[in-house]
Each structure stands twice: as structure tokens, then as C-alpha cells.
Amino acid sequence: MKAFIPLIFLAACAGVTAPPPGGPPPSGSYPTGLDNTCDGERYGPLVGQSGTALERVMILGQVRVIRPGSLTTQDYRPERINFEIGTDGRITRITCG
């Protein structure tokens, strides 16, 4: 019976895959293939705009702004909206988590 315990842990990890590589989505769109658990799709028009555009938008809920070189936690919160800012200071991507 003890020999099967490691197999259970290996089986649990078998379904874990890395996210597919890809660049920023086209301007004004929400990344495809991701669920919209945070309602981030409604902010799609902000993609391509300056990061300062977030100062003019009222967002109720959890928000994380990710700038180049910034450290982020690896916890997944489906209700949190992530705004990724590129090196040019513009919003490049919006994701949930």
C-alpha cells in the first residue's frame, strides 16, 4: 500500500501544464482562451493605452498592476484583474488571476 502513495502524487501533477507562449493581444481585445472570471473583458479597450489611463477608471474589486521587472506573487485569484504594463508604459495585456 505504501508503494502507491508516491504514484498518487505523480498522478495529481500529470495534468499541470505551462501556459501557452504568446505576445500581447491585439489592441482593444481580451486574451482568448482565458475565462473572464474577473470581468476583465470590459476593460479591453484600455489595451494599448498609457498605464495612467487606469487612474481615470473606477474598478471595484481586486486589481494588480504589473510593470516590467516588478515582483508578483504566484497565487491565483480568479476575481483579480491583472493589468500588465509594457516597457513603453502602455497596457499590453489584461488577465484574470
PDB file of N, CA and C in Angstrom:
ATOM      1  N   MET A   1       0.823  -1.202   0.000  1.00  0.00           N
ATOM      2  CA  MET A   1       0.000   0.000   0.000  1.00  0.00           C
ATOM      3  C   MET A   1       0.870   1.271   0.000  1.00  0.00           C
ATOM      4  N   LYS A   2       1.974   1.240   0.751  1.00  0.00           N
ATOM      5  CA  LYS A   2       2.838   2.419   0.828  1.00  0.00           C
ATOM      6  C   LYS A   2       3.473   2.748  -0.519  1.00  0.00           C
ATOM      7  N   ALA A   3       3.638   1.755  -1.366  1.00  0.00           N
ATOM      8  CA  ALA A   3       4.246   1.982  -2.677  1.00  0.00           C
ATOM      9  C   ALA A   3       3.343   2.803  -3.583  1.00  0.00           C
ATOM     10  N   PHE A   4       2.048   2.807  -3.339  1.00  0.00           N
ATOM     11  CA  PHE A   4       1.112   3.537  -4.191  1.00  0.00           C
ATOM     12  C   PHE A   4       1.001   5.020  -3.840  1.00  0.00           C
ATOM     13  N   ILE A   5       1.418   5.404  -2.660  1.00  0.00           N
ATOM     14  CA  ILE A   5       1.298   6.805  -2.244  1.00  0.00           C
ATOM     15  C   ILE A   5       2.078   7.736  -3.168  1.00  0.00           C
ATOM     16  N   PRO A   6       3.351   7.456  -3.512  1.00  0.00           N
ATOM     17  CA  PRO A   6       4.038   8.352  -4.457  1.00  0.00           C
ATOM     18  C   PRO A   6       3.347   8.431  -5.809  1.00  0.00           C
ATOM     19  N   LEU A   7       2.725   7.335  -6.241  1.00  0.00           N
ATOM     20  CA  LEU A   7       2.033   7.344  -7.530  1.00  0.00           C
ATOM     21  C   LEU A   7       0.836   8.279  -7.517  1.00  0.00           C
ATOM     22  N   ILE A   8       0.185   8.391  -6.382  1.00  0.00           N
ATOM     23  CA  ILE A   8      -0.954   9.301  -6.265  1.00  0.00           C
ATOM     24  C   ILE A   8      -0.492  10.741  -6.472  1.00  0.00           C
ATOM     25  N   PHE A   9       0.650  11.093  -5.867  1.00  0.00           N
ATOM     26  CA  PHE A   9       1.166  12.460  -6.020  1.00  0.00           C
ATOM     27  C   PHE A   9       1.596  12.722  -7.458  1.00  0.00           C
ATOM     28  N   LEU A  10       2.199  11.739  -8.108  1.00  0.00           N
ATOM     29  CA  LEU A  10       2.589  11.905  -9.502  1.00  0.00           C
ATOM     30  C   LEU A  10       1.373  12.057 -10.403  1.00  0.00           C
ATOM     31  N   ALA A  11       0.339  11.322 -10.127  1.00  0.00           N
ATOM     32  CA  ALA A  11      -0.878  11.417 -10.930  1.00  0.00           C
ATOM     33  C   ALA A  11      -1.530  12.788 -10.770  1.00  0.00           C
ATOM     34  N   ALA A  12      -1.435  13.361  -9.587  1.00  0.00           N
ATOM     35  CA  ALA A  12      -2.027  14.674  -9.352  1.00  0.00           C
ATOM     36  C   ALA A  12      -1.305  15.752 -10.137  1.00  0.00           C
ATOM     37  N   CYS A  13      -0.013  15.576 -10.383  1.00  0.00           N
ATOM     38  CA  CYS A  13       0.779  16.574 -11.106  1.00  0.00           C
ATOM     39  C   CYS A  13       0.715  16.382 -12.612  1.00  0.00           C
ATOM     40  N   ALA A  14       0.227  15.264 -13.078  1.00  0.00           N
ATOM     41  CA  ALA A  14       0.245  14.953 -14.502  1.00  0.00           C
ATOM     42  C   ALA A  14      -0.563  15.937 -15.331  1.00  0.00           C
ATOM     43  N   GLY A  15      -1.626  16.515 -14.790  1.00  0.00           N
ATOM     44  CA  GLY A  15      -2.467  17.418 -15.555  1.00  0.00           C
ATOM     45  C   GLY A  15      -1.988  18.848 -15.583  1.00  0.00           C
ATOM     46  N   VAL A  16      -0.903  19.170 -14.898  1.00  0.00           N
ATOM     47  CA  VAL A  16      -0.414  20.539 -14.828  1.00  0.00           C
ATOM     48  C   VAL A  16       0.408  20.838 -16.064  1.00  0.00           C
ATOM     49  N   THR A  17       0.040  21.879 -16.784  1.00  0.00           N
ATOM     50  CA  THR A  17       0.794  22.281 -17.964  1.00  0.00           C
ATOM     51  C   THR A  17       1.112  23.761 -17.882  1.00  0.00           C
ATOM     52  N   ALA A  18       2.152  24.152 -18.555  1.00  0.00           N
ATOM     53  CA  ALA A  18       2.544  25.563 -18.589  1.00  0.00           C
ATOM     54  C   ALA A  18       1.602  26.318 -19.518  1.00  0.00           C
ATOM     55  N   PRO A  19       1.380  27.617 -19.244  1.00  0.00           N
ATOM     56  CA  PRO A  19       0.525  28.384 -20.149  1.00  0.00           C
ATOM     57  C   PRO A  19       1.187  28.519 -21.509  1.00  0.00           C
ATOM     58  N   PRO A  20       0.410  28.588 -22.578  1.00  0.00           N
ATOM     59  CA  PRO A  20       0.991  28.695 -23.910  1.00  0.00           C
ATOM     60  C   PRO A  20       1.703  30.030 -24.083  1.00  0.00           C
ATOM     61  N   PRO A  21       2.829  30.034 -24.798  1.00  0.00           N
ATOM     62  CA  PRO A  21       3.534  31.292 -25.018  1.00  0.00           C
ATOM     63  C   PRO A  21       2.738  32.177 -25.965  1.00  0.00           C
ATOM     64  N   GLY A  22       2.939  33.443 -25.854  1.00  0.00           N
ATOM     65  CA  GLY A  22       2.237  34.358 -26.748  1.00  0.00           C
ATOM     66  C   GLY A  22       2.520  35.790 -26.385  1.00  0.00           C
ATOM     67  N   GLY A  23       2.372  36.643 -27.320  1.00  0.00           N
ATOM     68  CA  GLY A  23       2.593  38.054 -27.089  1.00  0.00           C
ATOM     69  C   GLY A  23       1.326  38.735 -26.655  1.00  0.00           C
ATOM     70  N   PRO A  24       1.365  40.050 -26.578  1.00  0.00           N
ATOM     71  CA  PRO A  24       0.174  40.783 -26.156  1.00  0.00           C
ATOM     72  C   PRO A  24      -0.945  40.655 -27.186  1.00  0.00           C
ATOM     73  N   PRO A  25      -2.182  40.735 -26.733  1.00  0.00           N
ATOM     74  CA  PRO A  25      -3.313  40.625 -27.657  1.00  0.00           C
ATOM     75  C   PRO A  25      -3.429  41.871 -28.521  1.00  0.00           C
ATOM     76  N   PRO A  26      -4.163  41.792 -29.596  1.00  0.00           N
ATOM     77  CA  PRO A  26      -4.388  42.970 -30.419  1.00  0.00           C
ATOM     78  C   PRO A  26      -5.043  44.083 -29.592  1.00  0.00           C
ATOM     79  N   SER A  27      -4.810  45.298 -29.995  1.00  0.00           N
ATOM     80  CA  SER A  27      -5.341  46.447 -29.269  1.00  0.00           C
ATOM     81  C   SER A  27      -6.850  46.345 -29.098  1.00  0.00           C
ATOM     82  N   GLY A  28      -7.313  46.576 -27.845  1.00  0.00           N
ATOM     83  CA  GLY A  28      -8.738  46.584 -27.567  1.00  0.00           C
ATOM     84  C   GLY A  28      -9.351  45.219 -27.391  1.00  0.00           C
ATOM     85  N   SER A  29      -8.547  44.174 -27.253  1.00  0.00           N
ATOM     86  CA  SER A  29      -9.130  42.849 -27.100  1.00  0.00           C
ATOM     87  C   SER A  29      -8.691  42.212 -25.796  1.00  0.00           C
ATOM     88  N   TYR A  30      -9.410  41.192 -25.414  1.00  0.00           N
ATOM     89  CA  TYR A  30      -9.103  40.438 -24.203  1.00  0.00           C
ATOM     90  C   TYR A  30      -8.433  39.144 -24.630  1.00  0.00           C
ATOM     91  N   PRO A  31      -7.430  38.669 -23.906  1.00  0.00           N
ATOM     92  CA  PRO A  31      -6.754  37.433 -24.326  1.00  0.00           C
ATOM     93  C   PRO A  31      -7.738  36.282 -24.472  1.00  0.00           C
ATOM     94  N   THR A  32      -7.649  35.573 -25.571  1.00  0.00           N
ATOM     95  CA  THR A  32      -8.553  34.450 -25.798  1.00  0.00           C
ATOM     96  C   THR A  32      -8.052  33.225 -25.045  1.00  0.00           C
ATOM     97  N   GLY A  33      -8.954  32.327 -24.745  1.00  0.00           N
ATOM     98  CA  GLY A  33      -8.602  31.099 -24.062  1.00  0.00           C
ATOM     99  C   GLY A  33      -8.600  31.221 -22.549  1.00  0.00           C
ATOM    100  N   LEU A  34      -8.860  32.392 -22.021  1.00  0.00           N
ATOM    101  CA  LEU A  34      -8.893  32.588 -20.575  1.00  0.00           C
ATOM    102  C   LEU A  34     -10.324  32.865 -20.150  1.00  0.00           C
ATOM    103  N   ASP A  35     -10.696  32.382 -18.990  1.00  0.00           N
ATOM    104  CA  ASP A  35     -12.042  32.702 -18.528  1.00  0.00           C
ATOM    105  C   ASP A  35     -12.081  34.144 -18.052  1.00  0.00           C
ATOM    106  N   ASN A  36     -13.240  34.680 -18.103  1.00  0.00           N
ATOM    107  CA  ASN A  36     -13.447  36.074 -17.736  1.00  0.00           C
ATOM    108  C   ASN A  36     -14.010  36.139 -16.321  1.00  0.00           C
ATOM    109  N   THR A  37     -13.387  35.428 -15.390  1.00  0.00           N
ATOM    110  CA  THR A  37     -13.885  35.350 -14.023  1.00  0.00           C
ATOM    111  C   THR A  37     -13.795  36.675 -13.286  1.00  0.00           C
ATOM    112  N   CYS A  38     -12.946  37.580 -13.762  1.00  0.00           N
ATOM    113  CA  CYS A  38     -12.767  38.872 -13.084  1.00  0.00           C
ATOM    114  C   CYS A  38     -13.506  39.991 -13.805  1.00  0.00           C
ATOM    115  N   ASP A  39     -14.209  39.678 -14.875  1.00  0.00           N
ATOM    116  CA  ASP A  39     -14.910  40.668 -15.701  1.00  0.00           C
ATOM    117  C   ASP A  39     -13.919  41.639 -16.345  1.00  0.00           C
ATOM    118  N   GLY A  40     -12.698  41.165 -16.581  1.00  0.00           N
ATOM    119  CA  GLY A  40     -11.667  41.998 -17.195  1.00  0.00           C
ATOM    120  C   GLY A  40     -11.931  42.333 -18.643  1.00  0.00           C
ATOM    121  N   GLU A  41     -12.795  41.542 -19.283  1.00  0.00           N
ATOM    122  CA  GLU A  41     -13.109  41.771 -20.686  1.00  0.00           C
ATOM    123  C   GLU A  41     -13.668  43.178 -20.927  1.00  0.00           C
ATOM    124  N   ARG A  42     -14.370  43.684 -19.951  1.00  0.00           N
ATOM    125  CA  ARG A  42     -14.965  45.020 -20.119  1.00  0.00           C
ATOM    126  C   ARG A  42     -13.923  46.121 -20.194  1.00  0.00           C
ATOM    127  N   TYR A  43     -12.683  45.846 -19.746  1.00  0.00           N
ATOM    128  CA  TYR A  43     -11.614  46.847 -19.792  1.00  0.00           C
ATOM    129  C   TYR A  43     -10.708  46.653 -20.997  1.00  0.00           C
ATOM    130  N   GLY A  44     -11.085  45.766 -21.915  1.00  0.00           N
ATOM    131  CA  GLY A  44     -10.311  45.507 -23.125  1.00  0.00           C
ATOM    132  C   GLY A  44      -9.920  46.744 -23.910  1.00  0.00           C
ATOM    133  N   PRO A  45     -10.783  47.754 -24.012  1.00  0.00           N
ATOM    134  CA  PRO A  45     -10.397  48.958 -24.757  1.00  0.00           C
ATOM    135  C   PRO A  45      -9.186  49.695 -24.165  1.00  0.00           C
ATOM    136  N   LEU A  46      -8.797  49.371 -22.929  1.00  0.00           N
ATOM    137  CA  LEU A  46      -7.630  50.019 -22.333  1.00  0.00           C
ATOM    138  C   LEU A  46      -6.306  49.474 -22.869  1.00  0.00           C
ATOM    139  N   VAL A  47      -6.343  48.275 -23.496  1.00  0.00           N
ATOM    140  CA  VAL A  47      -5.117  47.699 -24.048  1.00  0.00           C
ATOM    141  C   VAL A  47      -4.581  48.641 -25.122  1.00  0.00           C
ATOM    142  N   GLY A  48      -3.301  48.972 -25.001  1.00  0.00           N
ATOM    143  CA  GLY A  48      -2.663  49.890 -25.937  1.00  0.00           C
ATOM    144  C   GLY A  48      -2.604  51.320 -25.422  1.00  0.00           C
ATOM    145  N   GLN A  49      -3.395  51.643 -24.413  1.00  0.00           N
ATOM    146  CA  GLN A  49      -3.371  52.983 -23.838  1.00  0.00           C
ATOM    147  C   GLN A  49      -2.271  53.091 -22.779  1.00  0.00           C
ATOM    148  N   SER A  50      -1.962  54.309 -22.403  1.00  0.00           N
ATOM    149  CA  SER A  50      -0.982  54.562 -21.358  1.00  0.00           C
ATOM    150  C   SER A  50      -1.469  53.965 -20.039  1.00  0.00           C
ATOM    151  N   GLY A  51      -0.541  53.490 -19.218  1.00  0.00           N
ATOM    152  CA  GLY A  51      -0.880  52.935 -17.916  1.00  0.00           C
ATOM    153  C   GLY A  51      -1.577  53.938 -17.022  1.00  0.00           C
ATOM    154  N   THR A  52      -1.384  55.229 -17.292  1.00  0.00           N
ATOM    155  CA  THR A  52      -2.050  56.260 -16.487  1.00  0.00           C
ATOM    156  C   THR A  52      -3.557  56.280 -16.734  1.00  0.00           C
ATOM    157  N   ALA A  53      -4.025  55.608 -17.786  1.00  0.00           N
ATOM    158  CA  ALA A  53      -5.469  55.537 -18.063  1.00  0.00           C
ATOM    159  C   ALA A  53      -6.197  54.830 -16.929  1.00  0.00           C
ATOM    160  N   LEU A  54      -5.489  53.992 -16.179  1.00  0.00           N
ATOM    161  CA  LEU A  54      -6.110  53.283 -15.057  1.00  0.00           C
ATOM    162  C   LEU A  54      -6.525  54.239 -13.940  1.00  0.00           C
ATOM    163  N   GLU A  55      -5.889  55.395 -13.891  1.00  0.00           N
ATOM    164  CA  GLU A  55      -6.232  56.387 -12.864  1.00  0.00           C
ATOM    165  C   GLU A  55      -7.605  56.994 -13.112  1.00  0.00           C
ATOM    166  N   ARG A  56      -8.083  56.919 -14.338  1.00  0.00           N
ATOM    167  CA  ARG A  56      -9.372  57.539 -14.687  1.00  0.00           C
ATOM    168  C   ARG A  56     -10.525  56.541 -14.695  1.00  0.00           C
ATOM    169  N   VAL A  57     -10.238  55.281 -14.357  1.00  0.00           N
ATOM    170  CA  VAL A  57     -11.253  54.232 -14.391  1.00  0.00           C
ATOM    171  C   VAL A  57     -11.510  53.736 -12.973  1.00  0.00           C
ATOM    172  N   MET A  58     -12.781  53.690 -12.601  1.00  0.00           N
ATOM    173  CA  MET A  58     -13.109  53.153 -11.284  1.00  0.00           C
ATOM    174  C   MET A  58     -13.320  51.647 -11.418  1.00  0.00           C
ATOM    175  N   ILE A  59     -12.500  50.899 -10.712  1.00  0.00           N
ATOM    176  CA  ILE A  59     -12.598  49.444 -10.744  1.00  0.00           C
ATOM    177  C   ILE A  59     -12.845  48.979  -9.319  1.00  0.00           C
ATOM    178  N   LEU A  60     -14.001  48.404  -9.097  1.00  0.00           N
ATOM    179  CA  LEU A  60     -14.316  47.869  -7.775  1.00  0.00           C
ATOM    180  C   LEU A  60     -13.887  46.418  -7.735  1.00  0.00           C
ATOM    181  N   GLY A  61     -13.031  46.079  -6.830  1.00  0.00           N
ATOM    182  CA  GLY A  61     -12.536  44.710  -6.722  1.00  0.00           C
ATOM    183  C   GLY A  61     -11.025  44.697  -6.686  1.00  0.00           C
ATOM    184  N   GLN A  62     -10.473  43.495  -6.732  1.00  0.00           N
ATOM    185  CA  GLN A  62      -9.030  43.324  -6.657  1.00  0.00           C
ATOM    186  C   GLN A  62      -8.381  43.628  -7.995  1.00  0.00           C
ATOM    187  N   VAL A  63      -7.347  44.476  -7.936  1.00  0.00           N
ATOM    188  CA  VAL A  63      -6.622  44.877  -9.141  1.00  0.00           C
ATOM    189  C   VAL A  63      -5.133  44.755  -8.864  1.00  0.00           C
ATOM    190  N   ARG A  64      -4.393  44.277  -9.858  1.00  0.00           N
ATOM    191  CA  ARG A  64      -2.932  44.237  -9.738  1.00  0.00           C
ATOM    192  C   ARG A  64      -2.353  44.827 -11.018  1.00  0.00           C
ATOM    193  N   VAL A  65      -1.448  45.786 -10.854  1.00  0.00           N
ATOM    194  CA  VAL A  65      -0.750  46.393 -11.982  1.00  0.00           C
ATOM    195  C   VAL A  65       0.659  45.807 -11.995  1.00  0.00           C
ATOM    196  N   ILE A  66       1.006  45.170 -13.094  1.00  0.00           N
ATOM    197  CA  ILE A  66       2.300  44.504 -13.215  1.00  0.00           C
ATOM    198  C   ILE A  66       3.163  45.283 -14.201  1.00  0.00           C
ATOM    199  N   ARG A  67       4.218  45.868 -13.678  1.00  0.00           N
ATOM    200  CA  ARG A  67       5.142  46.647 -14.504  1.00  0.00           C
ATOM    201  C   ARG A  67       6.381  45.813 -14.810  1.00  0.00           C
ATOM    202  N   PRO A  68       7.128  46.166 -15.861  1.00  0.00           N
ATOM    203  CA  PRO A  68       8.336  45.401 -16.201  1.00  0.00           C
ATOM    204  C   PRO A  68       9.294  45.327 -15.005  1.00  0.00           C
ATOM    205  N   GLY A  69       9.745  44.131 -14.717  1.00  0.00           N
ATOM    206  CA  GLY A  69      10.701  43.934 -13.634  1.00  0.00           C
ATOM    207  C   GLY A  69      10.099  43.871 -12.243  1.00  0.00           C
ATOM    208  N   SER A  70       8.779  44.053 -12.135  1.00  0.00           N
ATOM    209  CA  SER A  70       8.167  44.015 -10.805  1.00  0.00           C
ATOM    210  C   SER A  70       7.975  42.565 -10.360  1.00  0.00           C
ATOM    211  N   LEU A  71       8.063  42.358  -9.063  1.00  0.00           N
ATOM    212  CA  LEU A  71       7.851  41.033  -8.493  1.00  0.00           C
ATOM    213  C   LEU A  71       6.368  40.844  -8.221  1.00  0.00           C
ATOM    214  N   THR A  72       5.863  39.664  -8.504  1.00  0.00           N
ATOM    215  CA  THR A  72       4.459  39.365  -8.236  1.00  0.00           C
ATOM    216  C   THR A  72       4.359  38.033  -7.523  1.00  0.00           C
ATOM    217  N   THR A  73       3.293  37.875  -6.777  1.00  0.00           N
ATOM    218  CA  THR A  73       3.042  36.595  -6.132  1.00  0.00           C
ATOM    219  C   THR A  73       2.510  35.618  -7.173  1.00  0.00           C
ATOM    220  N   GLN A  74       2.626  34.351  -6.907  1.00  0.00           N
ATOM    221  CA  GLN A  74       2.171  33.328  -7.847  1.00  0.00           C
ATOM    222  C   GLN A  74       0.807  32.763  -7.469  1.00  0.00           C
ATOM    223  N   ASP A  75       0.131  33.397  -6.517  1.00  0.00           N
ATOM    224  CA  ASP A  75      -1.190  32.909  -6.130  1.00  0.00           C
ATOM    225  C   ASP A  75      -2.201  33.256  -7.215  1.00  0.00           C
ATOM    226  N   TYR A  76      -3.155  32.369  -7.403  1.00  0.00           N
ATOM    227  CA  TYR A  76      -4.178  32.577  -8.419  1.00  0.00           C
ATOM    228  C   TYR A  76      -5.472  32.986  -7.741  1.00  0.00           C
ATOM    229  N   ARG A  77      -5.947  34.170  -8.079  1.00  0.00           N
ATOM    230  CA  ARG A  77      -7.223  34.674  -7.565  1.00  0.00           C
ATOM    231  C   ARG A  77      -8.102  34.999  -8.765  1.00  0.00           C
ATOM    232  N   PRO A  78      -9.073  34.148  -9.058  1.00  0.00           N
ATOM    233  CA  PRO A  78      -9.863  34.317 -10.283  1.00  0.00           C
ATOM    234  C   PRO A  78     -10.606  35.644 -10.365  1.00  0.00           C
ATOM    235  N   GLU A  79     -10.872  36.287  -9.233  1.00  0.00           N
ATOM    236  CA  GLU A  79     -11.612  37.548  -9.251  1.00  0.00           C
ATOM    237  C   GLU A  79     -10.703  38.763  -9.432  1.00  0.00           C
ATOM    238  N   ARG A  80      -9.382  38.564  -9.421  1.00  0.00           N
ATOM    239  CA  ARG A  80      -8.438  39.693  -9.527  1.00  0.00           C
ATOM    240  C   ARG A  80      -8.144  40.008 -10.990  1.00  0.00           C
ATOM    241  N   ILE A  81      -8.147  41.298 -11.330  1.00  0.00           N
ATOM    242  CA  ILE A  81      -7.806  41.758 -12.675  1.00  0.00           C
ATOM    243  C   ILE A  81      -6.333  42.164 -12.670  1.00  0.00           C
ATOM    244  N   ASN A  82      -5.566  41.624 -13.610  1.00  0.00           N
ATOM    245  CA  ASN A  82      -4.162  41.969 -13.767  1.00  0.00           C
ATOM    246  C   ASN A  82      -3.996  42.835 -15.004  1.00  0.00           C
ATOM    247  N   PHE A  83      -3.410  43.994 -14.832  1.00  0.00           N
ATOM    248  CA  PHE A  83      -3.076  44.871 -15.948  1.00  0.00           C
ATOM    249  C   PHE A  83      -1.563  44.823 -16.109  1.00  0.00           C
ATOM    250  N   GLU A  84      -1.096  44.330 -17.243  1.00  0.00           N
ATOM    251  CA  GLU A  84       0.338  44.264 -17.498  1.00  0.00           C
ATOM    252  C   GLU A  84       0.749  45.491 -18.302  1.00  0.00           C
ATOM    253  N   ILE A  85       1.781  46.163 -17.803  1.00  0.00           N
ATOM    254  CA  ILE A  85       2.290  47.381 -18.429  1.00  0.00           C
ATOM    255  C   ILE A  85       3.594  47.040 -19.133  1.00  0.00           C
ATOM    256  N   GLY A  86       3.749  47.466 -20.370  1.00  0.00           N
ATOM    257  CA  GLY A  86       4.963  47.200 -21.145  1.00  0.00           C
ATOM    258  C   GLY A  86       6.065  48.201 -20.832  1.00  0.00           C
ATOM    259  N   THR A  87       7.213  48.000 -21.433  1.00  0.00           N
ATOM    260  CA  THR A  87       8.356  48.891 -21.209  1.00  0.00           C
ATOM    261  C   THR A  87       8.091  50.301 -21.731  1.00  0.00           C
ATOM    262  N   ASP A  88       7.140  50.427 -22.634  1.00  0.00           N
ATOM    263  CA  ASP A  88       6.796  51.752 -23.161  1.00  0.00           C
ATOM    264  C   ASP A  88       5.756  52.474 -22.310  1.00  0.00           C
ATOM    265  N   GLY A  89       5.330  51.846 -21.190  1.00  0.00           N
ATOM    266  CA  GLY A  89       4.364  52.482 -20.294  1.00  0.00           C
ATOM    267  C   GLY A  89       2.920  52.269 -20.700  1.00  0.00           C
ATOM    268  N   ARG A  90       2.683  51.449 -21.703  1.00  0.00           N
ATOM    269  CA  ARG A  90       1.326  51.184 -22.174  1.00  0.00           C
ATOM    270  C   ARG A  90       0.819  49.839 -21.663  1.00  0.00           C
ATOM    271  N   ILE A  91      -0.509  49.737 -21.525  1.00  0.00           N
ATOM    272  CA  ILE A  91      -1.138  48.496 -21.096  1.00  0.00           C
ATOM    273  C   ILE A  91      -1.032  47.494 -22.243  1.00  0.00           C
ATOM    274  N   THR A  92      -0.381  46.368 -21.985  1.00  0.00           N
ATOM    275  CA  THR A  92      -0.163  45.383 -23.052  1.00  0.00           C
ATOM    276  C   THR A  92      -1.083  44.187 -22.945  1.00  0.00           C
ATOM    277  N   ARG A  93      -1.605  43.927 -21.741  1.00  0.00           N
ATOM    278  CA  ARG A  93      -2.408  42.716 -21.556  1.00  0.00           C
ATOM    279  C   ARG A  93      -3.263  42.832 -20.310  1.00  0.00           C
ATOM    280  N   ILE A  94      -4.448  42.238 -20.362  1.00  0.00           N
ATOM    281  CA  ILE A  94      -5.345  42.176 -19.200  1.00  0.00           C
ATOM    282  C   ILE A  94      -5.701  40.713 -19.008  1.00  0.00           C
ATOM    283  N   THR A  95      -5.485  40.224 -17.773  1.00  0.00           N
ATOM    284  CA  THR A  95      -5.791  38.828 -17.468  1.00  0.00           C
ATOM    285  C   THR A  95      -6.495  38.746 -16.118  1.00  0.00           C
ATOM    286  N   CYS A  96      -7.078  37.606 -15.851  1.00  0.00           N
ATOM    287  CA  CYS A  96      -7.651  37.323 -14.550  1.00  0.00           C
ATOM    288  C   CYS A  96      -6.674  36.448 -13.773  1.00  0.00           C
ATOM    289  N   GLY A  97      -6.663  36.616 -12.490  1.00  0.00           N
ATOM    290  CA  GLY A  97      -5.830  35.756 -11.659  1.00  0.00           C
ATOM    291  C   GLY A  97      -4.969  36.529 -10.765  1.00  0.00           C
TER     292      GLY A  97
END
